[in-house]
Every structure is written in C-alpha cells, then in structure tokens.
Protein backbone atom coordinates (compact mmCIF):
# COMPACT_ATOMS: atom_id res chain seq x y z
CA MET A 1 2.06 -0.94 31.76
CA LYS A 2 -0.75 1.50 31.30
CA ILE A 3 -1.20 1.94 27.55
CA ALA A 4 -3.37 4.29 25.50
CA PHE A 5 -4.16 3.94 21.80
CA VAL A 6 -5.35 7.18 20.18
CA SER A 7 -7.49 6.49 17.11
CA HIS A 8 -8.10 8.71 14.09
CA PRO A 9 -10.89 11.18 14.79
CA GLY A 10 -14.04 10.33 12.90
CA TYR A 11 -13.34 6.59 12.55
CA ALA A 12 -15.32 3.82 14.25
CA VAL A 13 -13.41 1.91 16.93
CA LEU A 14 -16.20 -0.19 18.50
CA PRO A 15 -16.74 -2.28 16.51
CA PRO A 16 -13.60 -1.44 14.53
CA ALA A 17 -14.26 -0.54 10.89
CA GLY A 18 -11.11 0.55 9.04
CA SER A 19 -7.87 -1.36 8.71
CA VAL A 20 -6.02 0.81 11.24
CA GLU A 21 -8.84 0.39 13.75
CA ILE A 22 -8.96 -3.38 13.22
CA CYS A 23 -5.21 -3.63 13.77
CA THR A 24 -5.48 -1.52 16.91
CA HIS A 25 -8.28 -3.72 18.24
CA GLU A 26 -6.46 -6.99 17.62
CA VAL A 27 -3.25 -5.83 19.30
CA ALA A 28 -5.04 -4.00 22.11
CA ARG A 29 -7.22 -6.94 23.14
CA ARG A 30 -4.16 -9.19 23.39
CA LEU A 31 -2.20 -6.59 25.33
CA ALA A 32 -5.18 -6.18 27.66
CA GLU A 33 -4.53 -9.68 28.98
CA ARG A 34 -1.36 -8.34 30.64
CA HIS A 35 -1.68 -4.55 30.73
CA ALA A 36 -4.24 -1.80 31.36
CA VAL A 37 -5.31 -0.69 27.88
CA THR A 38 -7.47 2.24 26.80
CA VAL A 39 -8.55 3.13 23.26
CA TYR A 40 -9.56 6.72 22.49
CA GLY A 41 -12.05 7.33 19.70
CA SER A 42 -14.57 9.87 18.44
CA SER A 43 -17.80 10.26 20.31
CA ALA A 44 -21.14 9.85 18.54
CA PRO A 45 -24.56 11.02 19.84
CA GLY A 46 -25.53 8.83 22.75
CA ARG A 47 -22.18 7.04 22.82
CA GLU A 48 -20.85 6.38 26.31
CA ASP A 49 -17.53 5.04 27.48
CA ALA A 50 -17.43 1.26 27.47
CA THR A 51 -15.32 -1.82 28.18
CA ASP A 52 -15.05 -4.59 25.60
CA ALA A 53 -12.63 -7.54 25.32
CA GLY A 54 -10.74 -6.16 28.30
CA ILE A 55 -10.22 -2.80 26.57
CA ARG A 56 -11.49 0.44 28.07
CA TYR A 57 -12.94 2.78 25.44
CA ARG A 58 -12.97 6.54 25.96
CA PHE A 59 -15.04 8.52 23.48
CA ILE A 60 -14.06 12.13 22.84
CA ARG A 61 -16.26 14.84 21.29
CA HIS A 62 -15.28 15.62 17.73
CA GLY A 63 -18.17 17.55 16.19
CA ALA A 64 -16.77 21.05 16.67
CA ASP A 65 -13.67 20.14 14.67
CA ALA A 66 -15.80 19.53 11.59
CA LYS A 67 -17.09 23.11 11.81
CA LEU A 68 -13.58 24.49 12.17
CA GLY A 69 -12.47 22.35 9.25
CA ARG A 70 -15.06 23.96 6.98
CA VAL A 71 -13.50 27.33 7.84
CA PHE A 72 -9.80 26.47 7.59
CA ARG A 73 -9.71 23.79 4.87
CA PRO A 74 -10.34 26.24 1.98
CA LEU A 75 -7.41 28.39 3.18
CA HIS A 76 -5.04 25.44 2.70
CA ARG A 77 -5.91 24.98 -0.97
CA LEU A 78 -3.37 27.66 -1.82
CA ARG A 79 -0.63 25.83 0.06
CA PRO A 80 1.68 23.17 -1.47
CA ALA A 81 0.26 19.65 -1.61
CA ASP A 82 2.74 18.43 1.00
CA LYS A 83 1.35 20.96 3.48
CA GLY A 84 -2.32 20.11 2.97
CA PHE A 85 -5.04 20.60 5.54
CA PHE A 86 -5.11 16.92 6.51
CA ALA A 87 -1.55 17.38 7.87
CA SER A 88 -2.24 20.77 9.44
CA PRO A 89 -2.13 21.28 13.23
CA LEU A 90 -5.58 22.83 12.83
CA ASN A 91 -7.03 19.54 11.58
CA SER A 92 -8.95 18.04 14.55
CA LEU A 93 -7.06 20.28 17.00
CA LEU A 94 -9.88 20.26 19.58
CA TYR A 95 -9.98 16.46 19.49
CA TRP A 96 -6.24 16.24 20.15
CA LEU A 97 -6.44 18.78 22.98
CA ARG A 98 -9.23 16.87 24.69
CA VAL A 99 -7.39 13.57 24.29
CA ALA A 100 -4.16 15.10 25.59
CA SER A 101 -5.97 16.50 28.65
CA ASP A 102 -7.53 13.14 29.43
CA ILE A 103 -4.16 11.41 29.01
CA ARG A 104 -2.68 13.81 31.58
CA ARG A 105 -5.45 12.96 34.07
CA GLU A 106 -5.11 9.20 33.52
CA GLY A 107 -1.31 9.00 33.72
CA TYR A 108 -0.37 6.47 31.03
CA ASP A 109 3.08 4.98 30.57
CA VAL A 110 2.91 4.80 26.76
CA VAL A 111 0.63 6.47 24.21
CA HIS A 112 0.29 5.09 20.68
CA VAL A 113 -0.75 7.34 17.77
CA ALA A 114 -1.37 6.14 14.21
CA ASN A 115 -0.29 8.23 11.20
CA LEU A 116 -1.36 11.71 12.28
CA THR A 117 1.82 13.47 13.38
CA GLN A 118 0.06 16.70 14.40
CA ALA A 119 -1.13 14.84 17.52
CA LEU A 120 2.42 14.41 18.85
CA PRO A 121 3.29 17.99 19.89
CA VAL A 122 -0.17 18.51 21.40
CA ILE A 123 0.05 15.38 23.54
CA ARG A 124 3.69 16.10 24.43
CA ARG A 125 2.98 19.67 25.55
CA LEU A 126 0.47 18.47 28.16
CA ASN A 127 2.38 15.27 28.99
CA PRO A 128 6.11 16.03 28.97
CA ASP A 129 7.14 12.72 30.54
CA ILE A 130 4.90 10.37 28.57
CA ARG A 131 6.39 7.89 26.07
CA LEU A 132 4.97 8.50 22.60
CA VAL A 133 4.90 5.84 19.86
CA LEU A 134 4.00 6.86 16.30
CA HIS A 135 2.77 4.01 14.09
CA MET A 136 2.80 4.63 10.34
CA HIS A 137 0.39 2.73 8.10
CA CYS A 138 1.12 5.02 5.15
CA GLU A 139 3.98 6.92 3.49
CA TRP A 140 3.24 10.39 4.83
CA LEU A 141 6.56 10.79 6.68
CA ILE A 142 8.41 10.77 3.37
CA GLN A 143 5.72 12.55 1.34
CA LEU A 144 4.91 15.53 3.54
CA ASP A 145 7.05 18.64 3.94
CA ARG A 146 10.30 17.63 5.61
CA ARG A 147 10.55 20.53 8.03
CA LEU A 148 6.95 20.06 9.13
CA VAL A 149 7.45 16.34 9.79
CA ALA A 150 10.87 16.74 11.44
CA ARG A 151 9.55 19.15 14.06
CA ARG A 152 6.89 16.65 15.06
CA LEU A 153 9.04 13.52 15.02
CA ARG A 154 11.28 14.97 17.72
CA HIS A 155 8.45 14.16 20.15
CA ALA A 156 8.29 10.45 19.23
CA ASP A 157 10.14 7.95 21.44
CA ALA A 158 9.56 5.21 18.85
CA ILE A 159 8.44 5.24 15.21
CA LEU A 160 6.87 2.08 13.82
CA GLY A 161 6.26 1.18 10.19
CA VAL A 162 3.98 -1.65 9.08
CA SER A 163 6.61 -2.83 6.57
CA ARG A 164 10.23 -2.22 5.66
CA HIS A 165 8.80 -0.35 2.67
CA ILE A 166 7.59 2.24 5.19
CA THR A 167 10.38 2.12 7.77
CA GLU A 168 13.54 2.19 5.66
CA PRO A 169 12.77 5.45 3.78
CA ILE A 170 11.99 7.11 7.13
CA ARG A 171 15.43 6.10 8.40
CA GLU A 172 17.00 7.46 5.23
CA ARG A 173 15.14 10.76 5.34
CA PHE A 174 15.68 11.28 9.08
CA PRO A 175 19.00 9.55 9.88
CA ASP A 176 19.18 11.24 13.30
CA LEU A 177 16.07 9.28 14.27
CA ALA A 178 17.06 5.93 12.73
CA ASP A 179 17.50 4.25 16.10
CA ARG A 180 13.90 5.11 17.02
CA CYS A 181 12.50 3.31 13.93
CA HIS A 182 11.16 -0.25 14.02
CA THR A 183 9.18 -2.46 11.64
CA VAL A 184 6.16 -4.26 13.08
CA SER A 185 3.82 -5.65 10.44
CA ASN A 186 0.07 -5.94 10.60
CA GLY A 187 -1.27 -9.37 11.42
CA VAL A 188 -4.06 -11.78 10.55
CA GLU A 189 -6.16 -14.37 12.32
CA ILE A 190 -4.86 -17.89 11.71
CA GLY A 191 -7.97 -20.07 11.86
CA PRO A 192 -8.42 -23.83 11.57
CA GLU A 193 -7.11 -25.64 8.52
CA PRO A 194 -9.43 -24.68 5.64
CA ALA A 195 -11.83 -27.36 4.47
CA PRO A 196 -11.40 -28.64 0.90
CA ARG A 197 -13.43 -26.56 -1.52
CA GLU A 198 -16.20 -28.37 -3.28
CA ALA A 199 -15.64 -28.76 -7.01
CA ASP A 200 -18.73 -27.37 -8.71
CA GLY A 201 -17.17 -26.38 -12.02
CA THR A 202 -16.70 -22.73 -11.11
CA VAL A 203 -13.53 -20.88 -10.14
CA THR A 204 -14.23 -17.99 -7.76
CA LEU A 205 -11.92 -14.99 -7.74
CA LEU A 206 -12.05 -12.79 -4.65
CA HIS A 207 -11.01 -9.21 -3.98
CA VAL A 208 -11.32 -7.65 -0.51
CA GLY A 209 -10.81 -3.94 0.02
CA ARG A 210 -12.22 -0.48 -0.55
CA ILE A 211 -13.45 0.26 -4.05
CA SER A 212 -11.04 3.09 -4.86
CA PRO A 213 -8.79 3.89 -7.86
CA GLU A 214 -5.52 2.87 -6.18
CA LYS A 215 -6.87 -0.65 -5.63
CA GLY A 216 -6.85 -1.25 -9.40
CA HIS A 217 -10.38 -2.51 -9.96
CA HIS A 218 -10.34 -1.00 -13.46
CA VAL A 219 -7.33 -3.18 -14.30
CA LEU A 220 -9.03 -6.27 -12.87
CA PHE A 221 -12.23 -5.68 -14.84
CA ASP A 222 -10.34 -5.09 -18.09
CA ALA A 223 -8.38 -8.30 -17.53
CA LEU A 224 -11.48 -10.36 -16.77
CA ASN A 225 -13.18 -9.03 -19.91
CA GLN A 226 -10.34 -10.80 -21.75
CA VAL A 227 -10.49 -13.97 -19.64
CA LEU A 228 -14.21 -14.75 -19.66
CA PRO A 229 -14.81 -15.57 -23.35
CA ASP A 230 -12.65 -18.71 -23.02
CA HIS A 231 -13.17 -19.28 -19.29
CA PRO A 232 -16.87 -18.85 -18.53
CA GLN A 233 -16.46 -20.82 -15.28
CA VAL A 234 -14.80 -17.81 -13.62
CA ARG A 235 -16.77 -15.83 -11.05
CA LEU A 236 -15.76 -12.63 -9.23
CA VAL A 237 -16.69 -11.60 -5.69
CA LEU A 238 -15.87 -8.08 -4.45
CA VAL A 239 -16.02 -7.44 -0.70
CA GLY A 240 -15.90 -3.74 0.18
CA GLU A 241 -17.79 -0.54 -0.39
CA GLU A 242 -16.92 2.41 -2.58
CA SER A 243 -14.70 4.51 -0.30
CA VAL A 244 -12.33 6.65 -2.33
CA ILE A 245 -9.53 8.19 -0.29
CA PRO A 246 -9.24 11.97 -0.71
CA ILE A 247 -6.91 12.80 -3.56
CA GLU A 248 -4.66 14.90 -1.31
CA TRP A 249 -3.98 11.92 1.00
CA ALA A 250 -2.06 9.87 -1.54
CA VAL A 251 -2.46 10.49 -5.27
CA GLY A 252 -2.03 14.25 -5.01
CA ILE A 253 1.17 14.07 -2.95
CA SER A 254 2.82 11.19 -4.78
CA SER A 255 5.95 11.75 -6.87
CA ASP A 256 5.19 8.59 -8.89
CA PRO A 257 3.70 9.47 -12.30
CA VAL A 258 1.87 6.12 -12.46
CA ILE A 259 0.07 6.95 -9.24
CA ARG A 260 -0.52 10.55 -10.25
CA ASP A 261 -2.25 9.22 -13.36
CA LEU A 262 -5.02 7.90 -11.11
CA GLU A 263 -6.27 11.49 -10.87
CA ARG A 264 -8.28 10.75 -14.02
CA PHE A 265 -10.69 8.63 -11.95
CA TYR A 266 -11.52 11.47 -9.55
CA GLY A 267 -14.44 13.78 -10.16
CA SER A 268 -17.16 11.15 -10.47
CA SER A 269 -18.07 7.83 -8.88
CA TYR A 270 -15.25 5.32 -9.33
CA LEU A 271 -17.72 2.50 -8.79
CA GLU A 272 -19.86 3.68 -11.69
CA GLN A 273 -16.77 4.12 -13.86
CA ILE A 274 -15.61 0.55 -13.33
CA LYS A 275 -19.12 -0.81 -13.83
CA ASP A 276 -19.15 0.91 -17.21
CA ARG A 277 -16.07 -1.14 -18.16
CA MET A 278 -17.78 -4.47 -17.48
CA SER A 279 -18.75 -6.69 -20.36
CA LYS A 280 -22.17 -8.31 -20.17
CA ALA A 281 -20.53 -11.62 -19.28
CA LEU A 282 -18.52 -10.05 -16.46
CA ALA A 283 -21.55 -8.21 -15.07
CA GLU A 284 -23.46 -11.50 -14.93
CA ARG A 285 -20.61 -13.21 -13.08
CA THR A 286 -19.74 -10.51 -10.55
CA GLN A 287 -21.10 -10.15 -7.02
CA PHE A 288 -20.70 -6.82 -5.22
CA VAL A 289 -20.95 -7.75 -1.55
CA GLY A 290 -20.37 -4.25 -0.21
CA ARG A 291 -19.18 -3.48 3.29
CA ILE A 292 -19.61 -6.29 5.80
CA ASP A 293 -18.33 -7.01 9.29
CA HIS A 294 -14.69 -8.06 9.33
CA SER A 295 -15.60 -11.44 10.82
CA GLU A 296 -18.10 -12.12 8.01
CA THR A 297 -15.37 -11.75 5.39
CA ALA A 298 -13.91 -15.09 6.49
CA ARG A 299 -16.66 -17.05 4.75
CA HIS A 300 -15.84 -15.38 1.44
CA TYR A 301 -12.18 -16.36 1.80
CA ALA A 302 -13.34 -19.91 2.56
CA ALA A 303 -15.55 -20.05 -0.54
CA ALA A 304 -12.98 -18.61 -2.99
CA ASP A 305 -10.38 -20.33 -5.16
CA LEU A 306 -8.07 -17.42 -5.98
CA PHE A 307 -7.34 -13.98 -4.53
CA VAL A 308 -6.58 -11.05 -6.84
CA PHE A 309 -5.09 -7.75 -5.63
CA PRO A 310 -3.92 -5.45 -8.48
CA SER A 311 -3.18 -2.47 -6.23
CA TYR A 312 -1.09 0.54 -7.28
CA PHE A 313 0.46 1.11 -3.84
CA GLU A 314 0.32 -0.59 -0.45
CA SER A 315 1.99 0.10 2.87
CA MET A 316 1.52 -3.57 3.62
CA GLY A 317 -1.89 -4.78 2.51
CA ILE A 318 -3.76 -7.00 4.96
CA PRO A 319 -6.18 -8.76 2.53
CA PRO A 320 -3.46 -10.68 0.64
CA VAL A 321 -2.14 -12.01 3.95
CA GLU A 322 -5.67 -12.90 5.08
CA ALA A 323 -6.08 -14.76 1.79
CA MET A 324 -2.82 -16.62 2.38
CA ALA A 325 -3.98 -17.55 5.89
CA ALA A 326 -7.14 -18.97 4.32
CA GLY A 327 -5.08 -21.13 1.97
CA LEU A 328 -5.68 -19.08 -1.17
CA PRO A 329 -3.09 -18.41 -3.88
CA VAL A 330 -2.58 -14.69 -4.45
CA ILE A 331 -2.11 -12.66 -7.61
CA SER A 332 -0.82 -9.24 -6.57
CA SER A 333 1.02 -6.22 -7.82
CA PRO A 334 4.62 -6.20 -6.49
CA VAL A 335 4.13 -2.90 -4.68
CA GLY A 336 5.20 -1.71 -1.26
CA GLY A 337 4.71 -4.14 1.59
CA ALA A 338 3.18 -6.77 -0.72
CA ASN A 339 6.77 -7.64 -1.65
CA GLU A 340 7.33 -8.59 1.98
CA SER A 341 4.25 -10.78 2.40
CA VAL A 342 3.68 -12.52 -0.95
CA VAL A 343 6.55 -14.63 -2.31
CA GLU A 344 6.64 -14.80 -6.12
CA GLY A 345 6.22 -18.37 -7.35
CA GLU A 346 5.87 -19.73 -3.81
CA THR A 347 2.69 -18.23 -2.35
CA GLY A 348 1.42 -16.40 -5.43
CA LEU A 349 2.20 -14.53 -8.62
CA PHE A 350 3.22 -10.92 -9.19
CA VAL A 351 1.91 -8.82 -12.08
CA GLU A 352 3.10 -5.26 -12.59
CA ARG A 353 0.51 -2.63 -11.68
CA GLY A 354 -1.67 -1.56 -14.57
CA ASP A 355 -0.67 -4.56 -16.74
CA VAL A 356 -4.04 -5.77 -18.03
CA ASP A 357 -2.62 -8.44 -20.35
CA GLY A 358 -0.25 -9.73 -17.68
CA LEU A 359 -3.05 -9.95 -15.12
CA ALA A 360 -5.29 -11.80 -17.56
CA ALA A 361 -2.49 -14.28 -18.31
CA ALA A 362 -1.79 -14.89 -14.61
CA ILE A 363 -5.48 -15.48 -13.89
CA VAL A 364 -5.76 -17.94 -16.76
CA ALA A 365 -2.61 -19.77 -15.64
CA LEU A 366 -4.04 -20.44 -12.19
CA VAL A 367 -7.64 -21.01 -13.30
CA ASP A 368 -6.35 -23.77 -15.58
CA ASP A 369 -4.07 -25.34 -12.96
CA PRO A 370 -5.89 -26.37 -9.75
CA ALA A 371 -2.88 -28.34 -8.51
CA ARG A 372 -0.71 -25.24 -8.65
CA ARG A 373 -3.41 -23.21 -6.91
CA ALA A 374 -3.41 -25.75 -4.09
CA ALA A 375 0.37 -25.72 -3.75
CA LEU A 376 0.58 -21.92 -3.68
CA GLY A 377 -2.28 -21.76 -1.18
CA ALA A 378 -0.68 -24.27 1.18
CA ALA A 379 2.64 -22.42 1.11
CA GLY A 380 0.86 -19.13 1.69
CA ARG A 381 -0.96 -20.44 4.74
CA ALA A 382 2.30 -21.71 6.24
CA ARG A 383 3.97 -18.34 5.62
CA ALA A 384 1.08 -16.39 7.13
CA ALA A 385 1.11 -18.57 10.25
CA LYS A 386 4.87 -18.22 10.66
CA HIS A 387 5.26 -14.48 10.08
CA PHE A 388 1.91 -12.70 10.42
CA SER A 389 -0.14 -14.19 13.27
CA TRP A 390 -1.65 -11.59 15.58
CA ASP A 391 -0.03 -13.29 18.57
CA GLY A 392 3.42 -12.93 17.00
CA VAL A 393 2.79 -9.36 15.90
CA THR A 394 1.54 -8.43 19.39
CA ALA A 395 4.68 -9.86 20.97
CA GLU A 396 6.84 -7.64 18.72
CA PHE A 397 4.62 -4.66 19.42
CA GLU A 398 4.74 -5.27 23.17
CA HIS A 399 8.54 -5.42 23.09
CA VAL A 400 8.70 -1.97 21.46
CA LEU A 401 6.27 -0.50 23.99
CA GLU A 402 8.09 -2.00 26.99
CA THR A 403 11.45 -0.79 25.68
CA ALA A 404 10.07 2.73 25.20
CA ALA A 405 8.47 2.70 28.67
CA ARG A 406 11.72 1.64 30.39
CA ALA A 407 14.07 3.91 28.48
CA PRO A 408 14.82 7.47 29.60
CA ARG A 409 12.73 10.03 27.78
CA ALA A 410 14.43 10.55 24.42
CA PRO A 411 15.60 14.14 23.91
CA SER A 412 13.68 16.13 21.33
CA ARG A 413 16.67 16.19 19.03
CA HIS A 414 17.11 18.73 16.32
CA VAL A 415 16.64 17.01 12.96
CA ALA A 416 18.94 18.63 10.45
CA THR A 417 17.21 20.01 7.38
CA PRO A 418 19.06 20.85 4.17
CA VAL A 419 19.18 24.57 3.41
CA SER A 420 17.44 23.97 0.07
CA GLU A 421 14.29 22.63 1.75
CA THR A 422 11.57 24.95 2.91
C-alpha cells in the first residue's frame, strides 16, 4: 500500500514532539518496513523534505494560515463553544488545500488524518477515490456540533478511536456509521526487563505529561503536602513543560461540571499557581525536568518507584502504560481510557479525580509497602507487553488500513440529525 499520514499543522513531526506525532511515528516506521509511507507536516524556515526510518517526510507551508487565523478567530468568539474556530473549515484551510493537492499528485491508497475533521472534505474533494481514515485521540466527535461533525464523517471510510471510551460514544451518536468505527489503542515500547532499583532510602514518585490543569498537578501537590511530614523519604520528579491546552479545546466544550471547574486555573500561569501550593518540604523534594526528548524519558521511568497520574480526563493516556512497561505501579484517576489500561488492584490503584485525601492515602499505602509496589509493577509490565506493544498496535492498525484499501469506496451516507439539533 501507499499510505499518507497527515499531521496537525504547527506540530513537530521530525523528531516527533507531541503524543499524536509520537504515535504516528511509531506506527509509520513499522509500516514502512512493508509499505510506502509518507508523513505530511508543517514546514519551518529552511526545512526540506527528508527520509528518516524509512518514512518520507513532506513539509507543507503553514505560515499564511496563522495570518488568516488572526483575522477569522475573533469572529468565532460569538459562536457557540461547539462551533469554535479550532473546528472551523477556515482553521488551517490553506494547509489542508496544499496537502490535498499533493496527495492527488502522489496517488496514495489510504490517507490517515488525526482529530481534525475539517481536513476530510477538503482532501475528499480533490481525491474522490482515496480511502480516508480518521483517527480520534480526543472526544471532539461527541463534543462538537452534531450537524457539523456528521457532514464531515460521511467522507471517512474508517473512524478509529484510541480507546473504547472514545469509540463507543461515536457509535452511539452516529449509529449509521457504527460499522466504520474501530478501536486501536496507542502503544508503548517494551524494553528489556527493568533492573532492580537500588535501595537508597528514598521513594521516587514520577509524573510524565504536560503541566496543564486537566493533568491534576494541583491535586498531586496538595496530596504530597499531606504525605511529606510523616514520609520525608518521598521525592517527586515531573517530566514535561508547562503547555496548557486552549480552554476551547476541552474545558470550554465539556458538559462535565468537574471539568468545567478547571476554568478557574486559566488566566495566569498554571505552573506558577501550582508552585504557590507547594510546602517548603515539597519544594525541596521536587525536580522539574521540563520537556525532554521522548527517548530520554526512559531513564526517569527506570529511576522511579511509583507513577502518579491524577488526571481529570484522558482519551487513553500513554504515560501510565509507559510506566507499566517499565515495571512501575500506577496510581491514576479512573477516567476515560485509563480504565482500559490500568487494572485496579492488579497493576495499580485508582483514586477519584480531585480527591486529595484519597490520593495521599494511596501514595502512603504504596510508599510503605515495597513488596506490593513490586507485585503491581510486575503485573503492569506483563499487561503492557500483552496488550500495548507497538508491534501489536501496528498490526491492528495495518489490518484497518488494508481493509479500507480493499473495500469499495464507502458511500457518503446521510447521517440523520434530530430536528431539535441545530
């Protein structure tokens, strides 16, 4: 097959930076062993097309879209939240047109697009016989205006979700498209058996991910302020930079009041807000690593004793699975796709989102019980290897692509919309 992956405009693909880009890279480089694979990404000054790990990279100009965005984005502020500018066909329109034109010249069998549904009709218009696969790493298909989404989904030959948490609500909202929906999770690298951690009297807690309100750092800090007076051996390592997602991408379009409450952290630096919550003891025992290369994160997993992930929502959440693959026990919120990766009492512990006392108690329970930490970590590694290896994920992904490529072009069915929806 000849396969194209179309990346989000404005995101780095070589080397990959964000979670979607990392997932694309890991699947694409494995597919490139058997297929011709191209990844489209945004051009930067001086950036030329390249080939890496068997993948051909095509870089498309994107600068003019930023200028258009400054004109059209303010006009969308008067529109409902579920019709925001980020979902508008005007958002990055020139990028999509250039990509669609290049796809027509290259003649791909299958084109993969992540999250941004406005790309589908543009690519379809210039490539009527192409097979289009939409891959959702977020909940936008059930959060955005139904009519808007339905019109675009008619162009998709397959719709992937990274967890059943994503896929099943799509099937329910768009039953006419249920047979096009599939669940293919994100994956992780399964490395060698982790070496025993040296006992030096400390217990290192690790969190990997963007520093952003929905990740629950404020809950973690409040919990550790309770833990440290009686457990001074605890240390905290945070891998990730402050990168707060725009409020309209998630918090502003959520119907969940707990998530909407996160609006209180917008308006000033979230990093500074959580630092203000730190006790002196916690500040002395916390290391902010910042943003590092994905491959460098492995050494922090190897040096940790416990992984903590008090997120408010997750489509799947790769870091907890990476932690499991590294043999770490996980304390996580039971949200979204985390319910499908972490197994309560077997590979980790669940604590309800926002529950400071519950999180403190769970941390203490595992800090005080190294044997239980080891048992949870071993079970987690076995589960990660069985269900979430990149090789296994790629095989599932490849099956969906090959099925879409062989099947007759799906008709752009009309998706019924209730009269009450506008």
